[in-house]
Amino acid sequence: MNCPICGKAATEGYRPFCSRRCSDVDLGRWLTGAYVLPGPEMEDDLPESFDGQTSDGESPDGEVPDASRPKRPQ
């Protein structure tokens, strides 16, 4: 089995990699999002019903919403 990063022979201690360096390179790619599975495009990460407030009525920054401010249309 060859190392998927550099192509050298894999070693028992770092299988499927040949060294700690190649193992760390692979981990870095995972952590930075370089490995992405294709899928459908996402339009929005938040549900349509999300109005920016927590369940206790406060916004994420801790402010209580002003009743005089107009709400976002839903």
PDB file of N, CA and C in Angstrom:
ATOM      1  N   MET A   1       0.857  -1.175   0.000  1.00  0.00           N
ATOM      2  CA  MET A   1       0.000   0.000   0.000  1.00  0.00           C
ATOM      3  C   MET A   1       0.901   1.235   0.000  1.00  0.00           C
ATOM      4  N   ASN A   2       0.558   2.199  -0.833  1.00  0.00           N
ATOM      5  CA  ASN A   2       1.332   3.429  -0.912  1.00  0.00           C
ATOM      6  C   ASN A   2       0.635   4.569  -0.163  1.00  0.00           C
ATOM      7  N   CYS A   3       1.418   5.489   0.336  1.00  0.00           N
ATOM      8  CA  CYS A   3       0.925   6.663   1.047  1.00  0.00           C
ATOM      9  C   CYS A   3       0.078   7.503   0.082  1.00  0.00           C
ATOM     10  N   PRO A   4      -1.143   7.878   0.485  1.00  0.00           N
ATOM     11  CA  PRO A   4      -1.993   8.672  -0.402  1.00  0.00           C
ATOM     12  C   PRO A   4      -1.503  10.112  -0.577  1.00  0.00           C
ATOM     13  N   ILE A   5      -0.580  10.563   0.255  1.00  0.00           N
ATOM     14  CA  ILE A   5      -0.077  11.933   0.166  1.00  0.00           C
ATOM     15  C   ILE A   5       1.134  12.014  -0.757  1.00  0.00           C
ATOM     16  N   CYS A   6       2.151  11.171  -0.521  1.00  0.00           N
ATOM     17  CA  CYS A   6       3.394  11.296  -1.293  1.00  0.00           C
ATOM     18  C   CYS A   6       3.689  10.098  -2.197  1.00  0.00           C
ATOM     19  N   GLY A   7       2.991   8.986  -1.990  1.00  0.00           N
ATOM     20  CA  GLY A   7       3.185   7.826  -2.848  1.00  0.00           C
ATOM     21  C   GLY A   7       4.234   6.836  -2.380  1.00  0.00           C
ATOM     22  N   LYS A   8       4.963   7.144  -1.292  1.00  0.00           N
ATOM     23  CA  LYS A   8       5.954   6.190  -0.767  1.00  0.00           C
ATOM     24  C   LYS A   8       5.233   5.028  -0.102  1.00  0.00           C
ATOM     25  N   ALA A   9       5.981   3.983   0.208  1.00  0.00           N
ATOM     26  CA  ALA A   9       5.402   2.820   0.875  1.00  0.00           C
ATOM     27  C   ALA A   9       4.923   3.196   2.279  1.00  0.00           C
ATOM     28  N   ALA A  10       3.727   2.732   2.628  1.00  0.00           N
ATOM     29  CA  ALA A  10       3.171   3.018   3.954  1.00  0.00           C
ATOM     30  C   ALA A  10       3.931   2.247   5.019  1.00  0.00           C
ATOM     31  N   THR A  11       4.014   2.834   6.226  1.00  0.00           N
ATOM     32  CA  THR A  11       4.655   2.159   7.354  1.00  0.00           C
ATOM     33  C   THR A  11       3.596   1.729   8.360  1.00  0.00           C
ATOM     34  N   GLU A  12       3.910   0.694   9.109  1.00  0.00           N
ATOM     35  CA  GLU A  12       2.958   0.122  10.062  1.00  0.00           C
ATOM     36  C   GLU A  12       2.466   1.151  11.078  1.00  0.00           C
ATOM     37  N   GLY A  13       3.341   1.985  11.585  1.00  0.00           N
ATOM     38  CA  GLY A  13       2.963   2.937  12.631  1.00  0.00           C
ATOM     39  C   GLY A  13       2.073   4.082  12.165  1.00  0.00           C
ATOM     40  N   TYR A  14       2.060   4.363  10.865  1.00  0.00           N
ATOM     41  CA  TYR A  14       1.293   5.498  10.349  1.00  0.00           C
ATOM     42  C   TYR A  14       0.346   5.097   9.221  1.00  0.00           C
ATOM     43  N   ARG A  15       0.092   3.821   9.075  1.00  0.00           N
ATOM     44  CA  ARG A  15      -0.743   3.316   7.996  1.00  0.00           C
ATOM     45  C   ARG A  15      -2.040   4.083   7.905  1.00  0.00           C
ATOM     46  N   PRO A  16      -2.501   4.533   6.793  1.00  0.00           N
ATOM     47  CA  PRO A  16      -2.046   4.269   5.433  1.00  0.00           C
ATOM     48  C   PRO A  16      -0.963   5.238   4.953  1.00  0.00           C
ATOM     49  N   PHE A  17      -0.401   6.012   5.849  1.00  0.00           N
ATOM     50  CA  PHE A  17       0.618   6.996   5.479  1.00  0.00           C
ATOM     51  C   PHE A  17       2.020   6.428   5.694  1.00  0.00           C
ATOM     52  N   CYS A  18       3.019   7.150   5.176  1.00  0.00           N
ATOM     53  CA  CYS A  18       4.400   6.688   5.324  1.00  0.00           C
ATOM     54  C   CYS A  18       5.072   7.325   6.538  1.00  0.00           C
ATOM     55  N   SER A  19       4.546   8.438   7.021  1.00  0.00           N
ATOM     56  CA  SER A  19       5.200   9.153   8.122  1.00  0.00           C
ATOM     57  C   SER A  19       4.190  10.038   8.846  1.00  0.00           C
ATOM     58  N   ARG A  20       4.637  10.557   9.959  1.00  0.00           N
ATOM     59  CA  ARG A  20       3.800  11.480  10.707  1.00  0.00           C
ATOM     60  C   ARG A  20       3.523  12.742   9.897  1.00  0.00           C
ATOM     61  N   ARG A  21       4.515  13.176   9.121  1.00  0.00           N
ATOM     62  CA  ARG A  21       4.349  14.384   8.311  1.00  0.00           C
ATOM     63  C   ARG A  21       3.173  14.227   7.349  1.00  0.00           C
ATOM     64  N   CYS A  22       3.137  13.116   6.622  1.00  0.00           N
ATOM     65  CA  CYS A  22       2.044  12.891   5.680  1.00  0.00           C
ATOM     66  C   CYS A  22       0.708  12.744   6.408  1.00  0.00           C
ATOM     67  N   SER A  23       0.732  12.123   7.575  1.00  0.00           N
ATOM     68  CA  SER A  23      -0.473  12.009   8.385  1.00  0.00           C
ATOM     69  C   SER A  23      -0.979  13.396   8.789  1.00  0.00           C
ATOM     70  N   ASP A  24      -0.050  14.278   9.179  1.00  0.00           N
ATOM     71  CA  ASP A  24      -0.420  15.636   9.576  1.00  0.00           C
ATOM     72  C   ASP A  24      -0.912  16.466   8.387  1.00  0.00           C
ATOM     73  N   VAL A  25      -0.317  16.250   7.215  1.00  0.00           N
ATOM     74  CA  VAL A  25      -0.774  16.938   6.007  1.00  0.00           C
ATOM     75  C   VAL A  25      -2.228  16.560   5.731  1.00  0.00           C
ATOM     76  N   ASP A  26      -2.535  15.270   5.843  1.00  0.00           N
ATOM     77  CA  ASP A  26      -3.899  14.794   5.619  1.00  0.00           C
ATOM     78  C   ASP A  26      -4.862  15.401   6.633  1.00  0.00           C
ATOM     79  N   LEU A  27      -4.471  15.417   7.901  1.00  0.00           N
ATOM     80  CA  LEU A  27      -5.315  16.007   8.938  1.00  0.00           C
ATOM     81  C   LEU A  27      -5.556  17.491   8.655  1.00  0.00           C
ATOM     82  N   GLY A  28      -4.526  18.197   8.256  1.00  0.00           N
ATOM     83  CA  GLY A  28      -4.676  19.610   7.917  1.00  0.00           C
ATOM     84  C   GLY A  28      -5.653  19.826   6.782  1.00  0.00           C
ATOM     85  N   ARG A  29      -5.644  18.941   5.816  1.00  0.00           N
ATOM     86  CA  ARG A  29      -6.592  19.050   4.703  1.00  0.00           C
ATOM     87  C   ARG A  29      -8.026  18.852   5.178  1.00  0.00           C
ATOM     88  N   TRP A  30      -8.221  17.911   6.099  1.00  0.00           N
ATOM     89  CA  TRP A  30      -9.562  17.712   6.651  1.00  0.00           C
ATOM     90  C   TRP A  30     -10.012  18.940   7.432  1.00  0.00           C
ATOM     91  N   LEU A  31      -9.122  19.480   8.255  1.00  0.00           N
ATOM     92  CA  LEU A  31      -9.499  20.600   9.114  1.00  0.00           C
ATOM     93  C   LEU A  31      -9.761  21.891   8.349  1.00  0.00           C
ATOM     94  N   THR A  32      -9.125  22.064   7.201  1.00  0.00           N
ATOM     95  CA  THR A  32      -9.343  23.279   6.417  1.00  0.00           C
ATOM     96  C   THR A  32     -10.461  23.123   5.398  1.00  0.00           C
ATOM     97  N   GLY A  33     -11.051  21.946   5.319  1.00  0.00           N
ATOM     98  CA  GLY A  33     -12.157  21.722   4.405  1.00  0.00           C
ATOM     99  C   GLY A  33     -11.733  21.407   2.986  1.00  0.00           C
ATOM    100  N   ALA A  34     -10.491  20.990   2.789  1.00  0.00           N
ATOM    101  CA  ALA A  34     -10.027  20.661   1.446  1.00  0.00           C
ATOM    102  C   ALA A  34     -10.703  19.404   0.909  1.00  0.00           C
ATOM    103  N   TYR A  35     -11.123  18.508   1.792  1.00  0.00           N
ATOM    104  CA  TYR A  35     -11.835  17.308   1.373  1.00  0.00           C
ATOM    105  C   TYR A  35     -13.325  17.589   1.525  1.00  0.00           C
ATOM    106  N   VAL A  36     -14.021  17.719   0.411  1.00  0.00           N
ATOM    107  CA  VAL A  36     -15.446  18.019   0.437  1.00  0.00           C
ATOM    108  C   VAL A  36     -16.161  17.031  -0.468  1.00  0.00           C
ATOM    109  N   LEU A  37     -17.218  16.457   0.035  1.00  0.00           N
ATOM    110  CA  LEU A  37     -18.020  15.563  -0.781  1.00  0.00           C
ATOM    111  C   LEU A  37     -19.024  16.393  -1.573  1.00  0.00           C
ATOM    112  N   PRO A  38     -19.189  16.101  -2.849  1.00  0.00           N
ATOM    113  CA  PRO A  38     -20.151  16.864  -3.633  1.00  0.00           C
ATOM    114  C   PRO A  38     -21.569  16.584  -3.151  1.00  0.00           C
ATOM    115  N   GLY A  39     -22.388  17.580  -3.222  1.00  0.00           N
ATOM    116  CA  GLY A  39     -23.771  17.443  -2.810  1.00  0.00           C
ATOM    117  C   GLY A  39     -24.581  18.598  -3.342  1.00  0.00           C
ATOM    118  N   PRO A  40     -25.857  18.620  -3.016  1.00  0.00           N
ATOM    119  CA  PRO A  40     -26.699  19.705  -3.513  1.00  0.00           C
ATOM    120  C   PRO A  40     -26.285  21.041  -2.894  1.00  0.00           C
ATOM    121  N   GLU A  41     -26.455  22.102  -3.655  1.00  0.00           N
ATOM    122  CA  GLU A  41     -26.138  23.438  -3.160  1.00  0.00           C
ATOM    123  C   GLU A  41     -27.112  23.811  -2.045  1.00  0.00           C
ATOM    124  N   MET A  42     -26.594  24.423  -1.007  1.00  0.00           N
ATOM    125  CA  MET A  42     -27.418  24.892   0.101  1.00  0.00           C
ATOM    126  C   MET A  42     -27.671  26.383  -0.090  1.00  0.00           C
ATOM    127  N   GLU A  43     -28.927  26.791  -0.073  1.00  0.00           N
ATOM    128  CA  GLU A  43     -29.244  28.204  -0.243  1.00  0.00           C
ATOM    129  C   GLU A  43     -28.988  28.984   1.035  1.00  0.00           C
ATOM    130  N   ASP A  44     -29.395  28.415   2.169  1.00  0.00           N
ATOM    131  CA  ASP A  44     -29.285  29.122   3.429  1.00  0.00           C
ATOM    132  C   ASP A  44     -29.028  28.111   4.531  1.00  0.00           C
ATOM    133  N   ASP A  45     -28.126  28.432   5.449  1.00  0.00           N
ATOM    134  CA  ASP A  45     -27.819  27.527   6.544  1.00  0.00           C
ATOM    135  C   ASP A  45     -28.851  27.592   7.664  1.00  0.00           C
ATOM    136  N   LEU A  46     -29.650  28.657   7.706  1.00  0.00           N
ATOM    137  CA  LEU A  46     -30.614  28.837   8.782  1.00  0.00           C
ATOM    138  C   LEU A  46     -32.009  28.460   8.313  1.00  0.00           C
ATOM    139  N   PRO A  47     -32.820  27.888   9.203  1.00  0.00           N
ATOM    140  CA  PRO A  47     -34.188  27.586   8.814  1.00  0.00           C
ATOM    141  C   PRO A  47     -34.958  28.883   8.555  1.00  0.00           C
ATOM    142  N   GLU A  48     -36.001  28.800   7.736  1.00  0.00           N
ATOM    143  CA  GLU A  48     -36.779  29.988   7.400  1.00  0.00           C
ATOM    144  C   GLU A  48     -37.396  30.637   8.618  1.00  0.00           C
ATOM    145  N   SER A  49     -37.703  29.872   9.650  1.00  0.00           N
ATOM    146  CA  SER A  49     -38.367  30.419  10.834  1.00  0.00           C
ATOM    147  C   SER A  49     -37.399  31.107  11.785  1.00  0.00           C
ATOM    148  N   PHE A  50     -36.081  31.040  11.521  1.00  0.00           N
ATOM    149  CA  PHE A  50     -35.108  31.654  12.418  1.00  0.00           C
ATOM    150  C   PHE A  50     -35.180  33.163  12.290  1.00  0.00           C
ATOM    151  N   ASP A  51     -35.397  33.844  13.425  1.00  0.00           N
ATOM    152  CA  ASP A  51     -35.489  35.304  13.396  1.00  0.00           C
ATOM    153  C   ASP A  51     -34.316  35.962  14.120  1.00  0.00           C
ATOM    154  N   GLY A  52     -33.258  35.196  14.418  1.00  0.00           N
ATOM    155  CA  GLY A  52     -32.087  35.767  15.056  1.00  0.00           C
ATOM    156  C   GLY A  52     -32.190  35.845  16.565  1.00  0.00           C
ATOM    157  N   GLN A  53     -33.189  35.226  17.147  1.00  0.00           N
ATOM    158  CA  GLN A  53     -33.366  35.269  18.593  1.00  0.00           C
ATOM    159  C   GLN A  53     -33.230  33.878  19.180  1.00  0.00           C
ATOM    160  N   THR A  54     -32.813  33.846  20.440  1.00  0.00           N
ATOM    161  CA  THR A  54     -32.730  32.581  21.152  1.00  0.00           C
ATOM    162  C   THR A  54     -34.096  32.243  21.711  1.00  0.00           C
ATOM    163  N   SER A  55     -34.252  31.077  22.319  1.00  0.00           N
ATOM    164  CA  SER A  55     -35.551  30.657  22.840  1.00  0.00           C
ATOM    165  C   SER A  55     -36.041  31.541  23.988  1.00  0.00           C
ATOM    166  N   ASP A  56     -35.140  32.292  24.636  1.00  0.00           N
ATOM    167  CA  ASP A  56     -35.575  33.169  25.718  1.00  0.00           C
ATOM    168  C   ASP A  56     -35.883  34.587  25.239  1.00  0.00           C
ATOM    169  N   GLY A  57     -35.912  34.805  23.914  1.00  0.00           N
ATOM    170  CA  GLY A  57     -36.281  36.100  23.375  1.00  0.00           C
ATOM    171  C   GLY A  57     -35.125  37.048  23.164  1.00  0.00           C
ATOM    172  N   GLU A  58     -33.925  36.640  23.552  1.00  0.00           N
ATOM    173  CA  GLU A  58     -32.771  37.503  23.362  1.00  0.00           C
ATOM    174  C   GLU A  58     -32.104  37.177  22.042  1.00  0.00           C
ATOM    175  N   SER A  59     -31.441  38.172  21.470  1.00  0.00           N
ATOM    176  CA  SER A  59     -30.670  37.932  20.265  1.00  0.00           C
ATOM    177  C   SER A  59     -29.370  37.249  20.670  1.00  0.00           C
ATOM    178  N   PRO A  60     -28.644  36.647  19.729  1.00  0.00           N
ATOM    179  CA  PRO A  60     -27.404  35.941  20.073  1.00  0.00           C
ATOM    180  C   PRO A  60     -26.367  36.826  20.760  1.00  0.00           C
ATOM    181  N   ASP A  61     -26.413  38.145  20.550  1.00  0.00           N
ATOM    182  CA  ASP A  61     -25.440  39.020  21.202  1.00  0.00           C
ATOM    183  C   ASP A  61     -25.897  39.478  22.580  1.00  0.00           C
ATOM    184  N   GLY A  62     -27.052  38.962  23.060  1.00  0.00           N
ATOM    185  CA  GLY A  62     -27.513  39.262  24.408  1.00  0.00           C
ATOM    186  C   GLY A  62     -28.484  40.418  24.497  1.00  0.00           C
ATOM    187  N   GLU A  63     -28.775  41.087  23.382  1.00  0.00           N
ATOM    188  CA  GLU A  63     -29.704  42.209  23.414  1.00  0.00           C
ATOM    189  C   GLU A  63     -31.140  41.708  23.368  1.00  0.00           C
ATOM    190  N   VAL A  64     -32.002  42.372  24.111  1.00  0.00           N
ATOM    191  CA  VAL A  64     -33.425  42.085  24.043  1.00  0.00           C
ATOM    192  C   VAL A  64     -33.975  42.891  22.883  1.00  0.00           C
ATOM    193  N   PRO A  65     -34.755  42.289  21.994  1.00  0.00           N
ATOM    194  CA  PRO A  65     -35.240  43.012  20.834  1.00  0.00           C
ATOM    195  C   PRO A  65     -36.144  44.173  21.217  1.00  0.00           C
ATOM    196  N   ASP A  66     -36.056  45.254  20.475  1.00  0.00           N
ATOM    197  CA  ASP A  66     -36.867  46.436  20.690  1.00  0.00           C
ATOM    198  C   ASP A  66     -38.228  46.200  20.054  1.00  0.00           C
ATOM    199  N   ALA A  67     -39.299  46.360  20.848  1.00  0.00           N
ATOM    200  CA  ALA A  67     -40.645  46.107  20.352  1.00  0.00           C
ATOM    201  C   ALA A  67     -41.039  47.090  19.260  1.00  0.00           C
ATOM    202  N   SER A  68     -40.394  48.260  19.206  1.00  0.00           N
ATOM    203  CA  SER A  68     -40.751  49.250  18.202  1.00  0.00           C
ATOM    204  C   SER A  68     -40.114  48.953  16.844  1.00  0.00           C
ATOM    205  N   ARG A  69     -39.109  48.060  16.830  1.00  0.00           N
ATOM    206  CA  ARG A  69     -38.470  47.705  15.560  1.00  0.00           C
ATOM    207  C   ARG A  69     -39.379  46.777  14.766  1.00  0.00           C
ATOM    208  N   PRO A  70     -39.494  47.020  13.461  1.00  0.00           N
ATOM    209  CA  PRO A  70     -40.323  46.104  12.657  1.00  0.00           C
ATOM    210  C   PRO A  70     -39.648  44.738  12.555  1.00  0.00           C
ATOM    211  N   LYS A  71     -40.462  43.696  12.558  1.00  0.00           N
ATOM    212  CA  LYS A  71     -39.938  42.346  12.419  1.00  0.00           C
ATOM    213  C   LYS A  71     -39.716  42.044  10.951  1.00  0.00           C
ATOM    214  N   ARG A  72     -38.793  41.112  10.705  1.00  0.00           N
ATOM    215  CA  ARG A  72     -38.536  40.677   9.332  1.00  0.00           C
ATOM    216  C   ARG A  72     -39.761  39.947   8.803  1.00  0.00           C
ATOM    217  N   PRO A  73     -40.111  40.185   7.552  1.00  0.00           N
ATOM    218  CA  PRO A  73     -41.236  39.427   6.974  1.00  0.00           C
ATOM    219  C   PRO A  73     -40.878  37.952   6.874  1.00  0.00           C
ATOM    220  N   GLN A  74     -41.860  37.114   7.073  1.00  0.00           N
ATOM    221  CA  GLN A  74     -41.611  35.666   7.029  1.00  0.00           C
ATOM    222  C   GLN A  74     -42.178  35.045   5.812  1.00  0.00           C
TER     223      GLN A  74
END
